[in-house]
Amino acid sequence: MRDNRLLDLIALNTDDLPLSWRSVLDQPLVKEALDALTQQLATRLKAGATIYPDDPWRVLRHLPPENVQVVILGQDPFHGRGQAHGLAFSVPHGCKTPPSLRHILQEVAHEQAEQHPYTLQAQQQTDLSNWVEQGVLLLNATLTVEDGQPAAHAKIGWQGVTDAIIETLAAQNQPIVFMFWGQHAQSKKHLIHSPNHLVLCANHPSPLSARRPPTPFLGCGHFAQANDWLEQKGAVSPIDWMS
């Protein structure tokens, strides 16, 4: 199993991020929040805490804002050993599929079967890196977590950083689909002001809410809706959600 622990705060260095992201993180208030949370992470590491993932900036490293077509917002990383690898809702190949990711893949397969009922479905990967390569930003509102303690870092200052990321994307000229699943993600809707973007909301894909009203995640149709809308806006190619 891959060691996904945060071992060194060098991982929070932003020097190798795309310049367009670095300009966001260098804004005074964002930098202040980032410096403060880095100190808190240093304190927790010194106290012996096990923190995930080893590369909190991974999704930004691979996808600059100008290439984003879809944003899927999670709450915080998976908190089990070997799971979190810097992409919201994604786990490395070979890792046991978390329930929320299982529901996401189930919804994708269901929508694909509805659109292409005679197509043989390939086995989907739990590592969603291919989505990122196509312009899907898998962003968590909180970018670190402690072993076995969901939301352990929800109040150390990450919100000020990730809200700035969302606001930057909301100001982009290219059309972007924002998928907000669950109350926590939907609390960010106020950051999206431009009519140039599409906001899709549903319950969280976790077992506790995936089938519940008012908007069950299972059956939400978000992946097909996103592709239809992007094509209407002139996207070169739709997202291959089955890849």
C-alpha atoms as a PDB file:
ATOM      1  CA  MET A   1       0.000   0.000   0.000  1.00  0.00           C
ATOM      2  CA  ARG A   2       1.263   3.432  -0.945  1.00  0.00           C
ATOM      3  CA  ASP A   3       2.471   5.606   1.928  1.00  0.00           C
ATOM      4  CA  ASN A   4       0.252   8.689   1.673  1.00  0.00           C
ATOM      5  CA  ARG A   5       1.297  10.385   4.906  1.00  0.00           C
ATOM      6  CA  LEU A   6       2.324  14.027   4.958  1.00  0.00           C
ATOM      7  CA  LEU A   7       5.907  13.704   6.170  1.00  0.00           C
ATOM      8  CA  ASP A   8       7.329  17.123   5.479  1.00  0.00           C
ATOM      9  CA  LEU A   9       5.849  20.605   5.163  1.00  0.00           C
ATOM     10  CA  ILE A  10       7.905  21.047   1.997  1.00  0.00           C
ATOM     11  CA  ALA A  11       4.848  19.424   0.381  1.00  0.00           C
ATOM     12  CA  LEU A  12       2.969  22.686   1.001  1.00  0.00           C
ATOM     13  CA  ASN A  13       5.496  24.690  -1.008  1.00  0.00           C
ATOM     14  CA  THR A  14       3.729  26.368  -3.930  1.00  0.00           C
ATOM     15  CA  ASP A  15       6.782  27.142  -6.092  1.00  0.00           C
ATOM     16  CA  ASP A  16       6.138  24.319  -8.557  1.00  0.00           C
ATOM     17  CA  LEU A  17       2.437  25.072  -9.046  1.00  0.00           C
ATOM     18  CA  PRO A  18       1.261  26.693 -12.284  1.00  0.00           C
ATOM     19  CA  LEU A  19       1.835  30.441 -12.182  1.00  0.00           C
ATOM     20  CA  SER A  20      -1.904  31.110 -12.389  1.00  0.00           C
ATOM     21  CA  TRP A  21      -2.470  29.194  -9.133  1.00  0.00           C
ATOM     22  CA  ARG A  22       0.554  30.730  -7.439  1.00  0.00           C
ATOM     23  CA  SER A  23      -0.855  34.198  -8.095  1.00  0.00           C
ATOM     24  CA  VAL A  24      -4.035  33.154  -6.227  1.00  0.00           C
ATOM     25  CA  LEU A  25      -2.170  31.684  -3.262  1.00  0.00           C
ATOM     26  CA  ASP A  26       0.121  34.726  -3.057  1.00  0.00           C
ATOM     27  CA  GLN A  27      -2.775  37.093  -2.402  1.00  0.00           C
ATOM     28  CA  PRO A  28      -2.148  38.666   1.044  1.00  0.00           C
ATOM     29  CA  LEU A  29      -5.185  37.233   2.874  1.00  0.00           C
ATOM     30  CA  VAL A  30      -4.765  33.810   1.280  1.00  0.00           C
ATOM     31  CA  LYS A  31      -1.043  33.739   2.056  1.00  0.00           C
ATOM     32  CA  GLU A  32      -1.785  34.753   5.639  1.00  0.00           C
ATOM     33  CA  ALA A  33      -4.270  31.884   5.997  1.00  0.00           C
ATOM     34  CA  LEU A  34      -1.832  29.450   4.388  1.00  0.00           C
ATOM     35  CA  ASP A  35       1.033  30.517   6.673  1.00  0.00           C
ATOM     36  CA  ALA A  36      -1.163  30.134   9.759  1.00  0.00           C
ATOM     37  CA  LEU A  37      -2.452  26.672   8.841  1.00  0.00           C
ATOM     38  CA  THR A  38       1.072  25.547   7.937  1.00  0.00           C
ATOM     39  CA  GLN A  39       2.129  26.402  11.487  1.00  0.00           C
ATOM     40  CA  GLN A  40      -0.762  24.356  12.850  1.00  0.00           C
ATOM     41  CA  LEU A  41       0.177  21.415  10.666  1.00  0.00           C
ATOM     42  CA  ALA A  42       3.758  21.680  11.902  1.00  0.00           C
ATOM     43  CA  THR A  43       2.499  21.542  15.480  1.00  0.00           C
ATOM     44  CA  ARG A  44       0.373  18.466  14.795  1.00  0.00           C
ATOM     45  CA  LEU A  45       3.224  16.674  13.010  1.00  0.00           C
ATOM     46  CA  LYS A  46       5.547  17.433  15.926  1.00  0.00           C
ATOM     47  CA  ALA A  47       2.924  15.962  18.270  1.00  0.00           C
ATOM     48  CA  GLY A  48       3.020  12.723  16.271  1.00  0.00           C
ATOM     49  CA  ALA A  49      -0.221  13.103  14.302  1.00  0.00           C
ATOM     50  CA  THR A  50      -0.646  11.096  11.107  1.00  0.00           C
ATOM     51  CA  ILE A  51      -1.793  13.507   8.409  1.00  0.00           C
ATOM     52  CA  TYR A  52      -2.975  12.778   4.859  1.00  0.00           C
ATOM     53  CA  PRO A  53      -2.292  13.240   1.966  1.00  0.00           C
ATOM     54  CA  ASP A  54       1.390  13.535   1.179  1.00  0.00           C
ATOM     55  CA  ASP A  55       0.716  16.020  -1.671  1.00  0.00           C
ATOM     56  CA  PRO A  56      -2.184  18.377  -0.785  1.00  0.00           C
ATOM     57  CA  TRP A  57      -1.633  20.473  -3.933  1.00  0.00           C
ATOM     58  CA  ARG A  58      -1.698  17.572  -6.384  1.00  0.00           C
ATOM     59  CA  VAL A  59      -4.886  18.530  -8.242  1.00  0.00           C
ATOM     60  CA  LEU A  60      -3.695  22.139  -8.680  1.00  0.00           C
ATOM     61  CA  ARG A  61      -0.308  20.930  -9.864  1.00  0.00           C
ATOM     62  CA  HIS A  62      -1.903  19.023 -12.741  1.00  0.00           C
ATOM     63  CA  LEU A  63      -4.753  21.359 -13.710  1.00  0.00           C
ATOM     64  CA  PRO A  64      -4.331  25.142 -14.090  1.00  0.00           C
ATOM     65  CA  PRO A  65      -7.494  27.278 -13.786  1.00  0.00           C
ATOM     66  CA  GLU A  66      -7.627  28.127 -17.482  1.00  0.00           C
ATOM     67  CA  ASN A  67      -8.068  24.424 -18.326  1.00  0.00           C
ATOM     68  CA  VAL A  68     -10.860  23.672 -15.832  1.00  0.00           C
ATOM     69  CA  GLN A  69     -14.190  22.552 -17.306  1.00  0.00           C
ATOM     70  CA  VAL A  70     -15.824  20.990 -14.224  1.00  0.00           C
ATOM     71  CA  VAL A  71     -15.362  21.478 -10.483  1.00  0.00           C
ATOM     72  CA  ILE A  72     -16.424  18.709  -8.110  1.00  0.00           C
ATOM     73  CA  LEU A  73     -16.186  19.917  -4.522  1.00  0.00           C
ATOM     74  CA  GLY A  74     -15.609  17.505  -1.652  1.00  0.00           C
ATOM     75  CA  GLN A  75     -15.427  18.251   2.052  1.00  0.00           C
ATOM     76  CA  ASP A  76     -12.076  16.820   3.148  1.00  0.00           C
ATOM     77  CA  PRO A  77      -9.758  13.948   2.153  1.00  0.00           C
ATOM     78  CA  PHE A  78     -10.473  10.312   2.972  1.00  0.00           C
ATOM     79  CA  HIS A  79      -9.019   9.658   6.416  1.00  0.00           C
ATOM     80  CA  GLY A  80      -7.809   6.066   6.072  1.00  0.00           C
ATOM     81  CA  ARG A  81      -4.291   4.815   5.418  1.00  0.00           C
ATOM     82  CA  GLY A  82      -3.443   4.662   1.726  1.00  0.00           C
ATOM     83  CA  GLN A  83      -6.636   6.400   0.558  1.00  0.00           C
ATOM     84  CA  ALA A  84      -6.233  10.154   0.028  1.00  0.00           C
ATOM     85  CA  HIS A  85      -3.921  11.162  -2.816  1.00  0.00           C
ATOM     86  CA  GLY A  86      -4.754  14.796  -3.445  1.00  0.00           C
ATOM     87  CA  LEU A  87      -7.895  14.384  -5.590  1.00  0.00           C
ATOM     88  CA  ALA A  88     -11.333  14.702  -3.984  1.00  0.00           C
ATOM     89  CA  PHE A  89     -13.364  11.449  -3.917  1.00  0.00           C
ATOM     90  CA  SER A  90     -10.521   9.530  -5.628  1.00  0.00           C
ATOM     91  CA  VAL A  91      -8.328   6.732  -4.238  1.00  0.00           C
ATOM     92  CA  PRO A  92      -5.287   5.014  -5.780  1.00  0.00           C
ATOM     93  CA  HIS A  93      -5.696   1.956  -7.958  1.00  0.00           C
ATOM     94  CA  GLY A  94      -6.004  -1.180  -5.844  1.00  0.00           C
ATOM     95  CA  CYS A  95      -7.368   0.663  -2.809  1.00  0.00           C
ATOM     96  CA  LYS A  96     -10.734  -0.476  -1.444  1.00  0.00           C
ATOM     97  CA  THR A  97     -13.470   1.741  -2.871  1.00  0.00           C
ATOM     98  CA  PRO A  98     -14.986   4.097  -0.255  1.00  0.00           C
ATOM     99  CA  PRO A  99     -18.820   4.130  -0.195  1.00  0.00           C
ATOM    100  CA  SER A 100     -19.157   7.683  -1.540  1.00  0.00           C
ATOM    101  CA  LEU A 101     -16.888   6.901  -4.486  1.00  0.00           C
ATOM    102  CA  ARG A 102     -18.797   3.673  -5.108  1.00  0.00           C
ATOM    103  CA  HIS A 103     -21.997   5.699  -5.440  1.00  0.00           C
ATOM    104  CA  ILE A 104     -20.289   8.179  -7.786  1.00  0.00           C
ATOM    105  CA  LEU A 105     -19.116   5.378 -10.065  1.00  0.00           C
ATOM    106  CA  GLN A 106     -22.558   3.766  -9.834  1.00  0.00           C
ATOM    107  CA  GLU A 107     -24.219   6.991 -10.966  1.00  0.00           C
ATOM    108  CA  VAL A 108     -21.747   7.409 -13.839  1.00  0.00           C
ATOM    109  CA  ALA A 109     -22.389   3.830 -15.004  1.00  0.00           C
ATOM    110  CA  HIS A 110     -26.164   4.308 -14.733  1.00  0.00           C
ATOM    111  CA  GLU A 111     -26.103   7.499 -16.798  1.00  0.00           C
ATOM    112  CA  GLN A 112     -23.808   5.895 -19.377  1.00  0.00           C
ATOM    113  CA  ALA A 113     -26.145   2.903 -19.696  1.00  0.00           C
ATOM    114  CA  GLU A 114     -29.138   5.215 -20.192  1.00  0.00           C
ATOM    115  CA  GLN A 115     -27.401   7.159 -22.950  1.00  0.00           C
ATOM    116  CA  HIS A 116     -25.743   4.166 -24.620  1.00  0.00           C
ATOM    117  CA  PRO A 117     -27.817   1.099 -23.649  1.00  0.00           C
ATOM    118  CA  TYR A 118     -26.083  -1.258 -26.086  1.00  0.00           C
ATOM    119  CA  THR A 119     -22.516  -0.318 -25.191  1.00  0.00           C
ATOM    120  CA  LEU A 120     -20.472  -2.812 -23.183  1.00  0.00           C
ATOM    121  CA  GLN A 121     -19.390  -1.022 -20.003  1.00  0.00           C
ATOM    122  CA  ALA A 122     -15.719  -1.175 -19.053  1.00  0.00           C
ATOM    123  CA  GLN A 123     -14.654  -1.472 -15.437  1.00  0.00           C
ATOM    124  CA  GLN A 124     -14.249   2.009 -13.973  1.00  0.00           C
ATOM    125  CA  GLN A 125     -11.105   3.022 -12.139  1.00  0.00           C
ATOM    126  CA  THR A 126     -11.177   4.281  -8.566  1.00  0.00           C
ATOM    127  CA  ASP A 127      -8.230   6.563  -9.392  1.00  0.00           C
ATOM    128  CA  LEU A 128      -9.918   9.542 -11.056  1.00  0.00           C
ATOM    129  CA  SER A 129      -6.714  11.038 -12.460  1.00  0.00           C
ATOM    130  CA  ASN A 130      -8.118  10.674 -15.984  1.00  0.00           C
ATOM    131  CA  TRP A 131     -10.924  13.048 -15.054  1.00  0.00           C
ATOM    132  CA  VAL A 132      -8.375  15.641 -13.959  1.00  0.00           C
ATOM    133  CA  GLU A 133      -6.522  15.259 -17.265  1.00  0.00           C
ATOM    134  CA  GLN A 134      -9.774  16.163 -19.029  1.00  0.00           C
ATOM    135  CA  GLY A 135     -10.325  19.323 -16.995  1.00  0.00           C
ATOM    136  CA  VAL A 136     -12.201  18.102 -13.904  1.00  0.00           C
ATOM    137  CA  LEU A 137     -10.927  19.809 -10.746  1.00  0.00           C
ATOM    138  CA  LEU A 138     -11.480  17.355  -7.870  1.00  0.00           C
ATOM    139  CA  LEU A 139     -11.139  19.848  -5.042  1.00  0.00           C
ATOM    140  CA  ASN A 140     -11.718  19.370  -1.330  1.00  0.00           C
ATOM    141  CA  ALA A 141     -12.719  22.379   0.780  1.00  0.00           C
ATOM    142  CA  THR A 142     -10.169  21.170   3.361  1.00  0.00           C
ATOM    143  CA  LEU A 143      -6.973  19.745   1.901  1.00  0.00           C
ATOM    144  CA  THR A 144      -5.606  17.741   4.848  1.00  0.00           C
ATOM    145  CA  VAL A 145      -7.022  15.376   7.447  1.00  0.00           C
ATOM    146  CA  GLU A 146      -5.785  13.226  10.325  1.00  0.00           C
ATOM    147  CA  ASP A 147      -5.879   9.454  10.430  1.00  0.00           C
ATOM    148  CA  GLY A 148      -9.321   8.189  11.457  1.00  0.00           C
ATOM    149  CA  GLN A 149     -10.612  11.692  12.207  1.00  0.00           C
ATOM    150  CA  PRO A 150     -12.855  13.123   9.477  1.00  0.00           C
ATOM    151  CA  ALA A 151     -12.999  16.936   9.438  1.00  0.00           C
ATOM    152  CA  ALA A 152     -10.060  17.108  11.863  1.00  0.00           C
ATOM    153  CA  HIS A 153      -8.636  20.090   9.936  1.00  0.00           C
ATOM    154  CA  ALA A 154     -11.905  21.730   8.947  1.00  0.00           C
ATOM    155  CA  LYS A 155     -11.246  24.729  11.193  1.00  0.00           C
ATOM    156  CA  ILE A 156      -7.520  25.363  10.770  1.00  0.00           C
ATOM    157  CA  GLY A 157      -7.900  27.829   7.886  1.00  0.00           C
ATOM    158  CA  TRP A 158      -8.153  25.826   4.672  1.00  0.00           C
ATOM    159  CA  GLN A 159     -11.522  27.418   3.852  1.00  0.00           C
ATOM    160  CA  GLY A 160      -9.891  30.790   3.216  1.00  0.00           C
ATOM    161  CA  VAL A 161      -7.538  29.146   0.741  1.00  0.00           C
ATOM    162  CA  THR A 162     -10.019  26.958  -1.130  1.00  0.00           C
ATOM    163  CA  ASP A 163     -12.685  29.680  -1.225  1.00  0.00           C
ATOM    164  CA  ALA A 164     -10.135  31.843  -3.066  1.00  0.00           C
ATOM    165  CA  ILE A 165      -9.565  28.979  -5.506  1.00  0.00           C
ATOM    166  CA  ILE A 166     -13.320  28.688  -6.159  1.00  0.00           C
ATOM    167  CA  GLU A 167     -13.672  32.467  -6.573  1.00  0.00           C
ATOM    168  CA  THR A 168     -10.827  32.467  -9.077  1.00  0.00           C
ATOM    169  CA  LEU A 169     -12.569  29.787 -11.117  1.00  0.00           C
ATOM    170  CA  ALA A 170     -15.887  31.634 -10.871  1.00  0.00           C
ATOM    171  CA  ALA A 171     -14.163  34.642 -12.456  1.00  0.00           C
ATOM    172  CA  GLN A 172     -12.844  32.621 -15.413  1.00  0.00           C
ATOM    173  CA  ASN A 173     -14.155  33.392 -18.889  1.00  0.00           C
ATOM    174  CA  GLN A 174     -14.538  29.777 -19.977  1.00  0.00           C
ATOM    175  CA  PRO A 175     -17.810  28.037 -19.028  1.00  0.00           C
ATOM    176  CA  ILE A 176     -17.420  25.819 -15.958  1.00  0.00           C
ATOM    177  CA  VAL A 177     -19.801  23.327 -14.361  1.00  0.00           C
ATOM    178  CA  PHE A 178     -19.749  23.365 -10.543  1.00  0.00           C
ATOM    179  CA  MET A 179     -21.044  20.182  -8.902  1.00  0.00           C
ATOM    180  CA  PHE A 180     -21.988  20.795  -5.274  1.00  0.00           C
ATOM    181  CA  TRP A 181     -23.065  17.663  -3.423  1.00  0.00           C
ATOM    182  CA  GLY A 182     -24.361  18.003   0.132  1.00  0.00           C
ATOM    183  CA  GLN A 183     -24.984  21.003   2.373  1.00  0.00           C
ATOM    184  CA  HIS A 184     -21.321  21.763   2.977  1.00  0.00           C
ATOM    185  CA  ALA A 185     -20.515  22.024  -0.727  1.00  0.00           C
ATOM    186  CA  GLN A 186     -23.732  23.925  -1.447  1.00  0.00           C
ATOM    187  CA  SER A 187     -22.739  26.560   1.097  1.00  0.00           C
ATOM    188  CA  LYS A 188     -20.213  27.701  -1.550  1.00  0.00           C
ATOM    189  CA  LYS A 189     -22.882  28.577  -4.132  1.00  0.00           C
ATOM    190  CA  HIS A 190     -22.698  32.226  -3.139  1.00  0.00           C
ATOM    191  CA  LEU A 191     -19.159  32.351  -4.565  1.00  0.00           C
ATOM    192  CA  ILE A 192     -20.485  31.747  -8.106  1.00  0.00           C
ATOM    193  CA  HIS A 193     -21.896  34.956  -9.563  1.00  0.00           C
ATOM    194  CA  SER A 194     -21.382  34.664 -13.314  1.00  0.00           C
ATOM    195  CA  PRO A 195     -24.273  33.425 -15.492  1.00  0.00           C
ATOM    196  CA  ASN A 196     -21.526  31.943 -17.670  1.00  0.00           C
ATOM    197  CA  HIS A 197     -21.289  28.950 -15.316  1.00  0.00           C
ATOM    198  CA  LEU A 198     -23.624  26.076 -14.419  1.00  0.00           C
ATOM    199  CA  VAL A 199     -24.192  25.012 -10.792  1.00  0.00           C
ATOM    200  CA  LEU A 200     -25.571  21.510 -10.187  1.00  0.00           C
ATOM    201  CA  CYS A 201     -26.680  20.560  -6.659  1.00  0.00           C
ATOM    202  CA  ALA A 202     -27.651  17.228  -5.109  1.00  0.00           C
ATOM    203  CA  ASN A 203     -27.301  15.340  -1.857  1.00  0.00           C
ATOM    204  CA  HIS A 204     -23.877  14.036  -0.889  1.00  0.00           C
ATOM    205  CA  PRO A 205     -23.014  10.601  -2.367  1.00  0.00           C
ATOM    206  CA  SER A 206     -22.383   9.102   1.085  1.00  0.00           C
ATOM    207  CA  PRO A 207     -24.584   6.155   2.172  1.00  0.00           C
ATOM    208  CA  LEU A 208     -26.407   8.418   4.641  1.00  0.00           C
ATOM    209  CA  SER A 209     -27.781  10.759   1.990  1.00  0.00           C
ATOM    210  CA  ALA A 210     -27.276   9.365  -1.525  1.00  0.00           C
ATOM    211  CA  ARG A 211     -30.879   8.137  -1.791  1.00  0.00           C
ATOM    212  CA  ARG A 212     -32.619  10.711   0.399  1.00  0.00           C
ATOM    213  CA  PRO A 213     -34.786  13.635  -0.728  1.00  0.00           C
ATOM    214  CA  PRO A 214     -34.969  16.418  -1.624  1.00  0.00           C
ATOM    215  CA  THR A 215     -32.388  15.725  -4.359  1.00  0.00           C
ATOM    216  CA  PRO A 216     -30.964  12.204  -4.117  1.00  0.00           C
ATOM    217  CA  PHE A 217     -27.478  11.867  -5.517  1.00  0.00           C
ATOM    218  CA  LEU A 218     -28.283   8.553  -7.157  1.00  0.00           C
ATOM    219  CA  GLY A 219     -30.292   9.461 -10.239  1.00  0.00           C
ATOM    220  CA  CYS A 220     -29.197  13.124 -10.251  1.00  0.00           C
ATOM    221  CA  GLY A 221     -27.957  12.943 -13.848  1.00  0.00           C
ATOM    222  CA  HIS A 222     -25.172  15.451 -13.210  1.00  0.00           C
ATOM    223  CA  PHE A 223     -22.520  13.843 -15.396  1.00  0.00           C
ATOM    224  CA  ALA A 224     -24.711  13.750 -18.495  1.00  0.00           C
ATOM    225  CA  GLN A 225     -26.047  17.257 -17.768  1.00  0.00           C
ATOM    226  CA  ALA A 226     -22.505  18.594 -17.487  1.00  0.00           C
ATOM    227  CA  ASN A 227     -21.505  17.139 -20.856  1.00  0.00           C
ATOM    228  CA  ASP A 228     -24.661  18.361 -22.580  1.00  0.00           C
ATOM    229  CA  TRP A 229     -24.155  21.875 -21.243  1.00  0.00           C
ATOM    230  CA  LEU A 230     -20.435  21.974 -22.081  1.00  0.00           C
ATOM    231  CA  GLU A 231     -21.179  20.863 -25.635  1.00  0.00           C
ATOM    232  CA  GLN A 232     -23.805  23.604 -25.947  1.00  0.00           C
ATOM    233  CA  LYS A 233     -21.127  26.068 -24.835  1.00  0.00           C
ATOM    234  CA  GLY A 234     -18.731  24.856 -27.518  1.00  0.00           C
ATOM    235  CA  ALA A 235     -16.508  22.458 -25.588  1.00  0.00           C
ATOM    236  CA  VAL A 236     -14.144  20.603 -27.898  1.00  0.00           C
ATOM    237  CA  SER A 237     -15.012  17.238 -26.373  1.00  0.00           C
ATOM    238  CA  PRO A 238     -17.214  15.989 -23.514  1.00  0.00           C
ATOM    239  CA  ILE A 239     -15.756  14.446 -20.377  1.00  0.00           C
ATOM    240  CA  ASP A 240     -15.261  10.697 -20.676  1.00  0.00           C
ATOM    241  CA  TRP A 241     -16.589   9.835 -17.218  1.00  0.00           C
ATOM    242  CA  MET A 242     -16.028   6.126 -17.765  1.00  0.00           C
ATOM    243  CA  SER A 243     -12.269   6.467 -18.217  1.00  0.00           C
END
